[in-house]
Amino acid sequence: MRLEIITPDRKIYEGEIKSVRVPGKKGSFQILKDHAPIISTLVQGPVFITDESGKQTDYEITGGVIEVRANNIILLAESVR
């Protein structure tokens, strides 16, 4: 899967991943390969990324929107701390 995390100022992350966990409005949820298409609002909280090598990276976002379609994930964050 390919993930992009973008803020109004810059691209924060771009790469191939195994999974990502995001803070959804109704609770956090994880996206894995072949996830159903979805668009969801996000709230303030952590974003946990596991890349293809198993390395974990996390970011703190203040809110935003995520779109998942055909193993392409775009996370538009208000800001990243």
Protein backbone atom coordinates (compact mmCIF):
# COMPACT_ATOMS: atom_id res chain seq x y z
CA MET A 1 0.00 0.00 0.00
CA ARG A 2 1.11 3.53 -0.63
CA LEU A 3 0.59 6.25 2.00
CA GLU A 4 0.87 10.02 1.69
CA ILE A 5 0.46 12.37 4.65
CA ILE A 6 -0.01 15.96 3.53
CA THR A 7 -0.55 19.21 5.45
CA PRO A 8 -1.41 22.60 3.94
CA ASP A 9 2.32 23.45 4.11
CA ARG A 10 4.13 20.30 2.99
CA LYS A 11 4.20 16.56 2.43
CA ILE A 12 5.07 14.87 5.73
CA TYR A 13 5.32 11.23 4.63
CA GLU A 14 5.26 9.23 1.42
CA GLY A 15 6.03 5.54 1.05
CA GLU A 16 4.99 1.91 0.89
CA ILE A 17 3.53 0.56 4.14
CA LYS A 18 2.08 -2.60 5.72
CA SER A 19 -0.44 -0.80 7.93
CA VAL A 20 -1.52 2.52 9.38
CA ARG A 21 -3.65 3.27 12.47
CA VAL A 22 -5.45 6.61 12.57
CA PRO A 23 -7.65 8.49 15.09
CA GLY A 24 -11.13 8.37 13.58
CA LYS A 25 -14.01 10.46 14.88
CA LYS A 26 -15.67 7.34 16.36
CA GLY A 27 -12.41 5.76 17.53
CA SER A 28 -9.09 4.73 16.06
CA PHE A 29 -8.99 2.24 13.19
CA GLN A 30 -6.37 0.36 11.24
CA ILE A 31 -5.97 0.11 7.48
CA LEU A 32 -4.37 -3.00 5.98
CA LYS A 33 -3.80 -4.14 2.40
CA ASP A 34 -6.98 -4.43 0.28
CA HIS A 35 -9.04 -2.33 2.73
CA ALA A 36 -12.46 -1.36 1.41
CA PRO A 37 -12.67 2.16 -0.08
CA ILE A 38 -13.38 4.72 2.64
CA ILE A 39 -13.36 8.44 3.32
CA SER A 40 -13.34 9.41 6.99
CA THR A 41 -12.80 12.47 9.17
CA LEU A 42 -10.00 12.30 11.71
CA VAL A 43 -9.62 13.91 15.11
CA GLN A 44 -6.56 14.92 17.11
CA GLY A 45 -4.42 11.94 17.99
CA PRO A 46 -1.58 9.64 16.97
CA VAL A 47 -1.02 8.10 13.54
CA PHE A 48 0.99 4.86 13.72
CA ILE A 49 2.68 3.65 10.52
CA THR A 50 4.36 0.28 9.96
CA ASP A 51 6.43 0.26 6.77
CA GLU A 52 7.22 -2.77 4.62
CA SER A 53 10.40 -3.54 6.59
CA GLY A 54 8.46 -3.52 9.90
CA LYS A 55 9.82 -0.14 11.08
CA GLN A 56 7.27 1.84 13.05
CA THR A 57 6.86 5.62 12.82
CA ASP A 58 4.28 7.80 14.53
CA TYR A 59 3.00 11.33 14.12
CA GLU A 60 0.55 13.42 16.13
CA ILE A 61 -2.12 15.10 13.99
CA THR A 62 -4.63 17.77 15.00
CA GLY A 63 -7.37 16.43 12.73
CA GLY A 64 -8.04 15.91 9.05
CA VAL A 65 -9.47 13.56 6.44
CA ILE A 66 -8.34 10.19 5.10
CA GLU A 67 -9.18 8.54 1.79
CA VAL A 68 -8.45 4.87 1.02
CA ARG A 69 -8.89 3.59 -2.52
CA ALA A 70 -7.20 0.67 -4.33
CA ASN A 71 -4.35 0.38 -1.78
CA ASN A 72 -3.62 4.11 -2.06
CA ILE A 73 -4.06 6.13 1.12
CA ILE A 74 -4.09 9.92 1.28
CA LEU A 75 -4.22 11.52 4.72
CA LEU A 76 -4.85 15.28 4.64
CA ALA A 77 -3.90 16.56 8.10
CA GLU A 78 -4.72 20.00 9.47
CA SER A 79 -1.27 19.98 11.08
CA VAL A 80 1.31 17.53 12.40
CA ARG A 81 3.14 18.02 15.69
